[in-house]
Amino acid sequence: PTVVGTLVGAAIVVGTLVHLGRRTRRYGLDPAAGTARVGRRC
């Protein structure tokens, strides 16, 4: 049923927005603050 595809799309959109909002509240508008430890191993 097409409603399944619609619900999957809505879930992806909501999940993306929630993740971006949480990341912004945690690190501010600069997400590099949350990944500074990773680059030391590049």
PDB file of all heavy atoms in Angstrom:
ATOM      1  N   PRO A   1       0.822  -1.213   0.000  1.00  0.00           N
ATOM      2  CA  PRO A   1       0.000   0.000   0.000  1.00  0.00           C
ATOM      3  C   PRO A   1       0.859   1.267   0.000  1.00  0.00           C
ATOM      4  O   PRO A   1       1.901   1.325   0.670  1.00  0.00           O
ATOM      5  CB  PRO A   1      -0.819  -0.121   1.297  1.00  0.00           C
ATOM      6  CG  PRO A   1      -0.881  -1.592   1.559  1.00  0.00           C
ATOM      7  CD  PRO A   1       0.421  -2.145   1.080  1.00  0.00           C
ATOM      8  N   THR A   2       0.439   2.249  -0.739  1.00  0.00           N
ATOM      9  CA  THR A   2       1.227   3.478  -0.857  1.00  0.00           C
ATOM     10  C   THR A   2       1.381   4.200   0.470  1.00  0.00           C
ATOM     11  O   THR A   2       2.348   4.939   0.665  1.00  0.00           O
ATOM     12  CB  THR A   2       0.567   4.426  -1.864  1.00  0.00           C
ATOM     13  OG1 THR A   2      -0.786   4.697  -1.452  1.00  0.00           O
ATOM     14  CG2 THR A   2       0.539   3.799  -3.253  1.00  0.00           C
ATOM     15  N   VAL A   3       0.450   3.993   1.396  1.00  0.00           N
ATOM     16  CA  VAL A   3       0.548   4.659   2.691  1.00  0.00           C
ATOM     17  C   VAL A   3       1.800   4.214   3.430  1.00  0.00           C
ATOM     18  O   VAL A   3       2.363   4.981   4.230  1.00  0.00           O
ATOM     19  CB  VAL A   3      -0.721   4.384   3.528  1.00  0.00           C
ATOM     20  CG1 VAL A   3      -0.812   2.910   3.906  1.00  0.00           C
ATOM     21  CG2 VAL A   3      -0.747   5.267   4.774  1.00  0.00           C
ATOM     22  N   VAL A   4       2.285   2.988   3.140  1.00  0.00           N
ATOM     23  CA  VAL A   4       3.511   2.518   3.785  1.00  0.00           C
ATOM     24  C   VAL A   4       4.694   3.375   3.341  1.00  0.00           C
ATOM     25  O   VAL A   4       5.523   3.791   4.162  1.00  0.00           O
ATOM     26  CB  VAL A   4       3.760   1.037   3.456  1.00  0.00           C
ATOM     27  CG1 VAL A   4       5.100   0.573   4.029  1.00  0.00           C
ATOM     28  CG2 VAL A   4       2.629   0.174   3.991  1.00  0.00           C
ATOM     29  N   GLY A   5       4.778   3.633   2.040  1.00  0.00           N
ATOM     30  CA  GLY A   5       5.845   4.500   1.554  1.00  0.00           C
ATOM     31  C   GLY A   5       5.750   5.903   2.130  1.00  0.00           C
ATOM     32  O   GLY A   5       6.766   6.516   2.458  1.00  0.00           O
ATOM     33  N   THR A   6       4.515   6.398   2.249  1.00  0.00           N
ATOM     34  CA  THR A   6       4.330   7.736   2.834  1.00  0.00           C
ATOM     35  C   THR A   6       4.799   7.759   4.278  1.00  0.00           C
ATOM     36  O   THR A   6       5.476   8.710   4.713  1.00  0.00           O
ATOM     37  CB  THR A   6       2.857   8.145   2.753  1.00  0.00           C
ATOM     38  OG1 THR A   6       2.430   8.117   1.383  1.00  0.00           O
ATOM     39  CG2 THR A   6       2.649   9.535   3.316  1.00  0.00           C
ATOM     40  N   LEU A   7       4.456   6.737   5.044  1.00  0.00           N
ATOM     41  CA  LEU A   7       4.861   6.688   6.447  1.00  0.00           C
ATOM     42  C   LEU A   7       6.374   6.552   6.590  1.00  0.00           C
ATOM     43  O   LEU A   7       6.975   7.162   7.482  1.00  0.00           O
ATOM     44  CB  LEU A   7       4.161   5.525   7.159  1.00  0.00           C
ATOM     45  CG  LEU A   7       2.639   5.670   7.317  1.00  0.00           C
ATOM     46  CD1 LEU A   7       2.050   4.409   7.954  1.00  0.00           C
ATOM     47  CD2 LEU A   7       2.300   6.897   8.165  1.00  0.00           C
ATOM     48  N   VAL A   8       6.991   5.760   5.707  1.00  0.00           N
ATOM     49  CA  VAL A   8       8.450   5.626   5.756  1.00  0.00           C
ATOM     50  C   VAL A   8       9.117   6.969   5.457  1.00  0.00           C
ATOM     51  O   VAL A   8      10.067   7.381   6.142  1.00  0.00           O
ATOM     52  CB  VAL A   8       8.920   4.552   4.757  1.00  0.00           C
ATOM     53  CG1 VAL A   8      10.440   4.563   4.639  1.00  0.00           C
ATOM     54  CG2 VAL A   8       8.451   3.174   5.200  1.00  0.00           C
ATOM     55  N   GLY A   9       8.618   7.659   4.445  1.00  0.00           N
ATOM     56  CA  GLY A   9       9.162   8.976   4.136  1.00  0.00           C
ATOM     57  C   GLY A   9       8.996   9.956   5.282  1.00  0.00           C
ATOM     58  O   GLY A   9       9.923  10.711   5.611  1.00  0.00           O
ATOM     59  N   ALA A  10       7.804   9.944   5.905  1.00  0.00           N
ATOM     60  CA  ALA A  10       7.576  10.838   7.045  1.00  0.00           C
ATOM     61  C   ALA A  10       8.500  10.490   8.210  1.00  0.00           C
ATOM     62  O   ALA A  10       9.024  11.383   8.891  1.00  0.00           O
ATOM     63  CB  ALA A  10       6.114  10.743   7.485  1.00  0.00           C
ATOM     64  N   ALA A  11       8.739   9.200   8.429  1.00  0.00           N
ATOM     65  CA  ALA A  11       9.636   8.788   9.512  1.00  0.00           C
ATOM     66  C   ALA A  11      11.062   9.263   9.255  1.00  0.00           C
ATOM     67  O   ALA A  11      11.769   9.702  10.176  1.00  0.00           O
ATOM     68  CB  ALA A  11       9.598   7.267   9.676  1.00  0.00           C
ATOM     69  N   ILE A  12      11.500   9.195   8.003  1.00  0.00           N
ATOM     70  CA  ILE A  12      12.847   9.657   7.665  1.00  0.00           C
ATOM     71  C   ILE A  12      12.978  11.159   7.890  1.00  0.00           C
ATOM     72  O   ILE A  12      13.970  11.638   8.457  1.00  0.00           O
ATOM     73  CB  ILE A  12      13.171   9.290   6.210  1.00  0.00           C
ATOM     74  CG1 ILE A  12      13.270   7.772   6.053  1.00  0.00           C
ATOM     75  CG2 ILE A  12      14.473   9.951   5.765  1.00  0.00           C
ATOM     76  CD1 ILE A  12      13.461   7.319   4.618  1.00  0.00           C
ATOM     77  N   VAL A  13      11.958  11.902   7.470  1.00  0.00           N
ATOM     78  CA  VAL A  13      11.991  13.352   7.649  1.00  0.00           C
ATOM     79  C   VAL A  13      12.007  13.708   9.128  1.00  0.00           C
ATOM     80  O   VAL A  13      12.826  14.522   9.591  1.00  0.00           O
ATOM     81  CB  VAL A  13      10.791  14.003   6.945  1.00  0.00           C
ATOM     82  CG1 VAL A  13      10.681  15.478   7.321  1.00  0.00           C
ATOM     83  CG2 VAL A  13      10.918  13.859   5.433  1.00  0.00           C
ATOM     84  N   VAL A  14      11.108  13.111   9.899  1.00  0.00           N
ATOM     85  CA  VAL A  14      11.034  13.413  11.330  1.00  0.00           C
ATOM     86  C   VAL A  14      12.328  13.004  12.027  1.00  0.00           C
ATOM     87  O   VAL A  14      12.867  13.749  12.865  1.00  0.00           O
ATOM     88  CB  VAL A  14       9.819  12.702  11.958  1.00  0.00           C
ATOM     89  CG1 VAL A  14       9.845  12.858  13.482  1.00  0.00           C
ATOM     90  CG2 VAL A  14       8.523  13.276  11.402  1.00  0.00           C
ATOM     91  N   GLY A  15      12.850  11.819  11.697  1.00  0.00           N
ATOM     92  CA  GLY A  15      14.088  11.377  12.318  1.00  0.00           C
ATOM     93  C   GLY A  15      15.245  12.303  12.023  1.00  0.00           C
ATOM     94  O   GLY A  15      16.066  12.606  12.901  1.00  0.00           O
ATOM     95  N   THR A  16      15.325  12.783  10.775  1.00  0.00           N
ATOM     96  CA  THR A  16      16.390  13.714  10.409  1.00  0.00           C
ATOM     97  C   THR A  16      16.269  15.019  11.173  1.00  0.00           C
ATOM     98  O   THR A  16      17.264  15.554  11.692  1.00  0.00           O
ATOM     99  CB  THR A  16      16.349  13.989   8.901  1.00  0.00           C
ATOM    100  OG1 THR A  16      16.495  12.759   8.185  1.00  0.00           O
ATOM    101  CG2 THR A  16      17.459  14.942   8.494  1.00  0.00           C
ATOM    102  N   LEU A  17      15.066  15.548  11.259  1.00  0.00           N
ATOM    103  CA  LEU A  17      14.864  16.813  11.978  1.00  0.00           C
ATOM    104  C   LEU A  17      15.158  16.658  13.462  1.00  0.00           C
ATOM    105  O   LEU A  17      15.783  17.539  14.083  1.00  0.00           O
ATOM    106  CB  LEU A  17      13.434  17.301  11.764  1.00  0.00           C
ATOM    107  CG  LEU A  17      13.061  17.709  10.333  1.00  0.00           C
ATOM    108  CD1 LEU A  17      11.581  18.061  10.245  1.00  0.00           C
ATOM    109  CD2 LEU A  17      13.906  18.886   9.870  1.00  0.00           C
ATOM    110  N   VAL A  18      14.729  15.540  14.053  1.00  0.00           N
ATOM    111  CA  VAL A  18      14.993  15.310  15.483  1.00  0.00           C
ATOM    112  C   VAL A  18      16.496  15.201  15.730  1.00  0.00           C
ATOM    113  O   VAL A  18      17.039  15.779  16.678  1.00  0.00           O
ATOM    114  CB  VAL A  18      14.259  14.047  15.963  1.00  0.00           C
ATOM    115  CG1 VAL A  18      14.735  13.651  17.364  1.00  0.00           C
ATOM    116  CG2 VAL A  18      12.755  14.286  15.969  1.00  0.00           C
ATOM    117  N   HIS A  19      17.183  14.448  14.870  1.00  0.00           N
ATOM    118  CA  HIS A  19      18.629  14.293  15.035  1.00  0.00           C
ATOM    119  C   HIS A  19      19.345  15.636  14.914  1.00  0.00           C
ATOM    120  O   HIS A  19      20.229  15.957  15.720  1.00  0.00           O
ATOM    121  CB  HIS A  19      19.160  13.322  13.986  1.00  0.00           C
ATOM    122  CG  HIS A  19      20.664  13.257  13.933  1.00  0.00           C
ATOM    123  ND1 HIS A  19      21.404  12.621  14.904  1.00  0.00           N
ATOM    124  CD2 HIS A  19      21.557  13.764  13.030  1.00  0.00           C
ATOM    125  CE1 HIS A  19      22.697  12.730  14.607  1.00  0.00           C
ATOM    126  NE2 HIS A  19      22.806  13.413  13.482  1.00  0.00           N
ATOM    127  N   LEU A  20      18.959  16.437  13.898  1.00  0.00           N
ATOM    128  CA  LEU A  20      19.597  17.733  13.714  1.00  0.00           C
ATOM    129  C   LEU A  20      19.306  18.665  14.887  1.00  0.00           C
ATOM    130  O   LEU A  20      20.187  19.401  15.348  1.00  0.00           O
ATOM    131  CB  LEU A  20      19.122  18.364  12.410  1.00  0.00           C
ATOM    132  CG  LEU A  20      19.752  19.707  12.051  1.00  0.00           C
ATOM    133  CD1 LEU A  20      21.261  19.573  11.911  1.00  0.00           C
ATOM    134  CD2 LEU A  20      19.151  20.251  10.762  1.00  0.00           C
ATOM    135  N   GLY A  21      18.063  18.626  15.398  1.00  0.00           N
ATOM    136  CA  GLY A  21      17.735  19.466  16.544  1.00  0.00           C
ATOM    137  C   GLY A  21      18.515  19.076  17.783  1.00  0.00           C
ATOM    138  O   GLY A  21      19.034  19.936  18.515  1.00  0.00           O
ATOM    139  N   ARG A  22      18.625  17.773  18.047  1.00  0.00           N
ATOM    140  CA  ARG A  22      19.393  17.319  19.211  1.00  0.00           C
ATOM    141  C   ARG A  22      20.866  17.675  19.074  1.00  0.00           C
ATOM    142  O   ARG A  22      21.509  18.084  20.038  1.00  0.00           O
ATOM    143  CB  ARG A  22      19.227  15.813  19.386  1.00  0.00           C
ATOM    144  CG  ARG A  22      17.830  15.372  19.792  1.00  0.00           C
ATOM    145  CD  ARG A  22      17.758  13.868  19.923  1.00  0.00           C
ATOM    146  NE  ARG A  22      18.714  13.371  20.904  1.00  0.00           N
ATOM    147  CZ  ARG A  22      18.960  12.086  21.127  1.00  0.00           C
ATOM    148  NH1 ARG A  22      18.319  11.164  20.417  1.00  0.00           N
ATOM    149  NH2 ARG A  22      19.831  11.715  22.032  1.00  0.00           N
ATOM    150  N   ARG A  23      21.394  17.517  17.889  1.00  0.00           N
ATOM    151  CA  ARG A  23      22.809  17.837  17.668  1.00  0.00           C
ATOM    152  C   ARG A  23      23.068  19.327  17.842  1.00  0.00           C
ATOM    153  O   ARG A  23      24.100  19.732  18.389  1.00  0.00           O
ATOM    154  CB  ARG A  23      23.211  17.387  16.261  1.00  0.00           C
ATOM    155  CG  ARG A  23      24.702  17.481  16.007  1.00  0.00           C
ATOM    156  CD  ARG A  23      25.061  16.881  14.656  1.00  0.00           C
ATOM    157  NE  ARG A  23      26.497  16.914  14.447  1.00  0.00           N
ATOM    158  CZ  ARG A  23      27.349  16.017  14.927  1.00  0.00           C
ATOM    159  NH1 ARG A  23      26.901  15.016  15.649  1.00  0.00           N
ATOM    160  NH2 ARG A  23      28.649  16.125  14.693  1.00  0.00           N
ATOM    161  N   THR A  24      22.132  20.152  17.379  1.00  0.00           N
ATOM    162  CA  THR A  24      22.298  21.591  17.537  1.00  0.00           C
ATOM    163  C   THR A  24      22.242  21.993  19.002  1.00  0.00           C
ATOM    164  O   THR A  24      23.030  22.818  19.467  1.00  0.00           O
ATOM    165  CB  THR A  24      21.209  22.334  16.745  1.00  0.00           C
ATOM    166  OG1 THR A  24      21.284  21.958  15.361  1.00  0.00           O
ATOM    167  CG2 THR A  24      21.387  23.831  16.857  1.00  0.00           C
ATOM    168  N   ARG A  25      21.293  21.403  19.758  1.00  0.00           N
ATOM    169  CA  ARG A  25      21.203  21.732  21.180  1.00  0.00           C
ATOM    170  C   ARG A  25      22.433  21.254  21.952  1.00  0.00           C
ATOM    171  O   ARG A  25      22.831  21.886  22.932  1.00  0.00           O
ATOM    172  CB  ARG A  25      19.937  21.105  21.768  1.00  0.00           C
ATOM    173  CG  ARG A  25      18.647  21.777  21.323  1.00  0.00           C
ATOM    174  CD  ARG A  25      17.464  21.303  22.141  1.00  0.00           C
ATOM    175  NE  ARG A  25      17.231  19.880  21.951  1.00  0.00           N
ATOM    176  CZ  ARG A  25      16.450  19.370  21.006  1.00  0.00           C
ATOM    177  NH1 ARG A  25      15.860  20.183  20.139  1.00  0.00           N
ATOM    178  NH2 ARG A  25      16.256  18.072  20.896  1.00  0.00           N
ATOM    179  N   ARG A  26      23.030  20.176  21.500  1.00  0.00           N
ATOM    180  CA  ARG A  26      24.173  19.623  22.233  1.00  0.00           C
ATOM    181  C   ARG A  26      25.470  20.338  21.907  1.00  0.00           C
ATOM    182  O   ARG A  26      26.277  20.613  22.798  1.00  0.00           O
ATOM    183  CB  ARG A  26      24.311  18.137  21.913  1.00  0.00           C
ATOM    184  CG  ARG A  26      25.477  17.449  22.626  1.00  0.00           C
ATOM    185  CD  ARG A  26      25.468  15.960  22.358  1.00  0.00           C
ATOM    186  NE  ARG A  26      24.257  15.326  22.861  1.00  0.00           N
ATOM    187  CZ  ARG A  26      23.959  14.044  22.693  1.00  0.00           C
ATOM    188  NH1 ARG A  26      24.797  13.259  22.018  1.00  0.00           N
ATOM    189  NH2 ARG A  26      22.842  13.534  23.177  1.00  0.00           N
ATOM    190  N   TYR A  27      25.675  20.656  20.630  1.00  0.00           N
ATOM    191  CA  TYR A  27      26.957  21.215  20.220  1.00  0.00           C
ATOM    192  C   TYR A  27      26.861  22.644  19.702  1.00  0.00           C
ATOM    193  O   TYR A  27      27.882  23.221  19.349  1.00  0.00           O
ATOM    194  CB  TYR A  27      27.577  20.345  19.119  1.00  0.00           C
ATOM    195  CG  TYR A  27      27.769  18.907  19.524  1.00  0.00           C
ATOM    196  CD1 TYR A  27      27.067  17.896  18.890  1.00  0.00           C
ATOM    197  CD2 TYR A  27      28.648  18.555  20.548  1.00  0.00           C
ATOM    198  CE1 TYR A  27      27.230  16.575  19.247  1.00  0.00           C
ATOM    199  CE2 TYR A  27      28.815  17.243  20.916  1.00  0.00           C
ATOM    200  CZ  TYR A  27      28.107  16.256  20.269  1.00  0.00           C
ATOM    201  OH  TYR A  27      28.269  14.945  20.641  1.00  0.00           O
ATOM    202  N   GLY A  28      25.663  23.205  19.611  1.00  0.00           N
ATOM    203  CA  GLY A  28      25.521  24.498  18.996  1.00  0.00           C
ATOM    204  C   GLY A  28      25.383  24.360  17.492  1.00  0.00           C
ATOM    205  O   GLY A  28      25.211  23.269  16.962  1.00  0.00           O
ATOM    206  N   LEU A  29      25.498  25.469  16.771  1.00  0.00           N
ATOM    207  CA  LEU A  29      25.326  25.451  15.331  1.00  0.00           C
ATOM    208  C   LEU A  29      26.544  24.913  14.602  1.00  0.00           C
ATOM    209  O   LEU A  29      26.519  24.766  13.388  1.00  0.00           O
ATOM    210  CB  LEU A  29      25.038  26.865  14.821  1.00  0.00           C
ATOM    211  CG  LEU A  29      23.690  27.439  15.243  1.00  0.00           C
ATOM    212  CD1 LEU A  29      23.535  28.855  14.735  1.00  0.00           C
ATOM    213  CD2 LEU A  29      22.560  26.565  14.724  1.00  0.00           C
ATOM    214  N   ASP A  30      27.642  24.625  15.326  1.00  0.00           N
ATOM    215  CA  ASP A  30      28.850  24.097  14.702  1.00  0.00           C
ATOM    216  C   ASP A  30      29.011  22.646  15.099  1.00  0.00           C
ATOM    217  O   ASP A  30      29.517  22.341  16.172  1.00  0.00           O
ATOM    218  CB  ASP A  30      30.067  24.902  15.166  1.00  0.00           C
ATOM    219  CG  ASP A  30      31.309  24.551  14.351  1.00  0.00           C
ATOM    220  OD1 ASP A  30      31.219  23.593  13.559  1.00  0.00           O
ATOM    221  OD2 ASP A  30      32.328  25.233  14.504  1.00  0.00           O
ATOM    222  N   PRO A  31      28.556  21.681  14.268  1.00  0.00           N
ATOM    223  CA  PRO A  31      28.622  20.278  14.638  1.00  0.00           C
ATOM    224  C   PRO A  31      30.035  19.742  14.683  1.00  0.00           C
ATOM    225  O   PRO A  31      30.265  18.635  15.149  1.00  0.00           O
ATOM    226  CB  PRO A  31      27.811  19.573  13.545  1.00  0.00           C
ATOM    227  CG  PRO A  31      27.938  20.463  12.372  1.00  0.00           C
ATOM    228  CD  PRO A  31      27.997  21.858  12.914  1.00  0.00           C
ATOM    229  N   ALA A  32      31.034  20.495  14.210  1.00  0.00           N
ATOM    230  CA  ALA A  32      32.403  20.018  14.294  1.00  0.00           C
ATOM    231  C   ALA A  32      32.832  19.856  15.745  1.00  0.00           C
ATOM    232  O   ALA A  32      33.765  19.116  16.046  1.00  0.00           O
ATOM    233  CB  ALA A  32      33.339  20.996  13.587  1.00  0.00           C
ATOM    234  N   ALA A  33      32.130  20.536  16.662  1.00  0.00           N
ATOM    235  CA  ALA A  33      32.466  20.399  18.076  1.00  0.00           C
ATOM    236  C   ALA A  33      32.263  18.982  18.564  1.00  0.00           C
ATOM    237  O   ALA A  33      32.941  18.529  19.480  1.00  0.00           O
ATOM    238  CB  ALA A  33      31.613  21.356  18.910  1.00  0.00           C
ATOM    239  N   GLY A  34      31.334  18.264  17.968  1.00  0.00           N
ATOM    240  CA  GLY A  34      31.070  16.908  18.417  1.00  0.00           C
ATOM    241  C   GLY A  34      31.925  15.861  17.741  1.00  0.00           C
ATOM    242  O   GLY A  34      31.854  14.686  18.075  1.00  0.00           O
ATOM    243  N   THR A  35      32.766  16.270  16.799  1.00  0.00           N
ATOM    244  CA  THR A  35      33.574  15.286  16.070  1.00  0.00           C
ATOM    245  C   THR A  35      35.056  15.609  16.123  1.00  0.00           C
ATOM    246  O   THR A  35      35.838  15.073  15.360  1.00  0.00           O
ATOM    247  CB  THR A  35      33.140  15.242  14.593  1.00  0.00           C
ATOM    248  OG1 THR A  35      33.256  16.555  14.044  1.00  0.00           O
ATOM    249  CG2 THR A  35      31.708  14.774  14.453  1.00  0.00           C
ATOM    250  N   ALA A  36      35.442  16.488  17.041  1.00  0.00           N
ATOM    251  CA  ALA A  36      36.831  16.909  17.089  1.00  0.00           C
ATOM    252  C   ALA A  36      37.762  15.763  17.444  1.00  0.00           C
ATOM    253  O   ALA A  36      38.918  15.748  17.048  1.00  0.00           O
ATOM    254  CB  ALA A  36      36.994  18.047  18.105  1.00  0.00           C
ATOM    255  N   ARG A  37      37.276  14.775  18.222  1.00  0.00           N
ATOM    256  CA  ARG A  37      38.140  13.682  18.636  1.00  0.00           C
ATOM    257  C   ARG A  37      38.414  12.725  17.483  1.00  0.00           C
ATOM    258  O   ARG A  37      39.422  12.024  17.479  1.00  0.00           O
ATOM    259  CB  ARG A  37      37.488  12.915  19.785  1.00  0.00           C
ATOM    260  CG  ARG A  37      37.322  13.724  21.050  1.00  0.00           C
ATOM    261  CD  ARG A  37      36.516  12.939  22.058  1.00  0.00           C
ATOM    262  NE  ARG A  37      37.159  11.674  22.420  1.00  0.00           N
ATOM    263  CZ  ARG A  37      38.034  11.536  23.395  1.00  0.00           C
ATOM    264  NH1 ARG A  37      38.402  12.599  24.094  1.00  0.00           N
ATOM    265  NH2 ARG A  37      38.557  10.363  23.665  1.00  0.00           N
ATOM    266  N   VAL A  38      37.522  12.683  16.512  1.00  0.00           N
ATOM    267  CA  VAL A  38      37.650  11.699  15.450  1.00  0.00           C
ATOM    268  C   VAL A  38      38.802  12.038  14.525  1.00  0.00           C
ATOM    269  O   VAL A  38      39.546  11.171  14.097  1.00  0.00           O
ATOM    270  CB  VAL A  38      36.338  11.612  14.643  1.00  0.00           C
ATOM    271  CG1 VAL A  38      36.457  10.581  13.543  1.00  0.00           C
ATOM    272  CG2 VAL A  38      35.189  11.289  15.582  1.00  0.00           C
ATOM    273  N   GLY A  39      38.959  13.330  14.218  1.00  0.00           N
ATOM    274  CA  GLY A  39      39.943  13.732  13.239  1.00  0.00           C
ATOM    275  C   GLY A  39      41.365  13.449  13.653  1.00  0.00           C
ATOM    276  O   GLY A  39      42.260  13.409  12.818  1.00  0.00           O
ATOM    277  N   ARG A  40      41.614  13.262  14.943  1.00  0.00           N
ATOM    278  CA  ARG A  40      42.978  13.006  15.382  1.00  0.00           C
ATOM    279  C   ARG A  40      43.483  11.672  14.866  1.00  0.00           C
ATOM    280  O   ARG A  40      44.677  11.420  14.848  1.00  0.00           O
ATOM    281  CB  ARG A  40      43.050  13.033  16.905  1.00  0.00           C
ATOM    282  CG  ARG A  40      42.758  14.405  17.489  1.00  0.00           C
ATOM    283  CD  ARG A  40      42.952  14.398  18.982  1.00  0.00           C
ATOM    284  NE  ARG A  40      42.038  13.461  19.622  1.00  0.00           N
ATOM    285  CZ  ARG A  40      42.312  12.849  20.760  1.00  0.00           C
ATOM    286  NH1 ARG A  40      43.470  13.023  21.338  1.00  0.00           N
ATOM    287  NH2 ARG A  40      41.435  12.029  21.295  1.00  0.00           N
ATOM    288  N   ARG A  41      42.583  10.793  14.441  1.00  0.00           N
ATOM    289  CA  ARG A  41      42.975   9.473  13.966  1.00  0.00           C
ATOM    290  C   ARG A  41      42.939   9.383  12.441  1.00  0.00           C
ATOM    291  O   ARG A  41      43.044   8.323  11.875  1.00  0.00           O
ATOM    292  CB  ARG A  41      42.049   8.409  14.556  1.00  0.00           C
ATOM    293  CG  ARG A  41      42.136   8.347  16.068  1.00  0.00           C
ATOM    294  CD  ARG A  41      41.110   7.357  16.618  1.00  0.00           C
ATOM    295  NE  ARG A  41      41.248   7.160  18.047  1.00  0.00           N
ATOM    296  CZ  ARG A  41      40.714   7.949  18.956  1.00  0.00           C
ATOM    297  NH1 ARG A  41      40.028   8.984  18.566  1.00  0.00           N
ATOM    298  NH2 ARG A  41      40.882   7.713  20.245  1.00  0.00           N
ATOM    299  N   CYS A  42      42.719  10.542  11.780  1.00  0.00           N
ATOM    300  CA  CYS A  42      42.609  10.528  10.324  1.00  0.00           C
ATOM    301  C   CYS A  42      43.983  10.331   9.699  1.00  0.00           C
ATOM    302  O   CYS A  42      44.998  10.701  10.263  1.00  0.00           O
ATOM    303  CB  CYS A  42      42.006  11.849   9.827  1.00  0.00           C
ATOM    304  SG  CYS A  42      40.317  12.117  10.399  1.00  0.00           S
TER     305      CYS A  42
END
